[in-house]
Amino acid sequence: MLSKTQKAGNADLRRQLQQITDEFTGLVVQLQIQRIERLRGEWNHRITLVEPAIVGDPRTYDFNCHAFTFRLHELQVFWELCRLKPELWPTGTFVSNRLLAAMARIRRTHAVQGNVVLYFDGNRIAHSGVFAGRNVVESKWGTAHRWRHGVFEVPSSYSSATRYFRPPSLEHVRAAFLEFAKAA
């Protein structure tokens, strides 16, 4: 069981992560990596880089946490539709309205590698990631890098309320995204 401190995460660390991810975007996104590594000495965090975002390489950069978590970025149709309709962005609302009903909620203690972790701010889904085991999540922070981190070692805007789910099938995600694209 996570302690109250672990559950809330270190507020100061999370504020600093928020500042880094807000400040170092676009052409200077690579500076996030150095800044987050510098925080290790002060906070002894478990955040490690999984895949850097490379500006100009859409397959590493031009998608968000929800596209990563639900594997949309693996689908050619996602890239084709986003090129045609840039407003097609899988937001927390997309996840709530198109995917949530197809996912079985599970207890954190029953979560296994590959399950979905959703971060809620009230009823709004603020962030998503993939459970990697032992209170570790892999997620994409904005359109920036993909990180492996403690459940609450995330920017402060991602909230502190988490719920765990079995992921929907990739075919279900694909169909939901196509339906979403038609409605846009």
Foldseek 3Di string as FASTA:
>chain_A
DDDPCLLQDDQVLQQQQQVLLVPQDDPRLVVSQVSNVVCCVVPVWPKDFDFWADPPPCLQFVAFFVCVLLVVSVDPVSVVLCVVPVVLHCAQVLCVPQWPVQWDWDDPVPDDFQKKKFQDDDPGTQGIFTDHDDQWTWTGHGRGTIIIGGVNSHHCSRHRDITITHGHDSVSVVVSSVVVSVVD
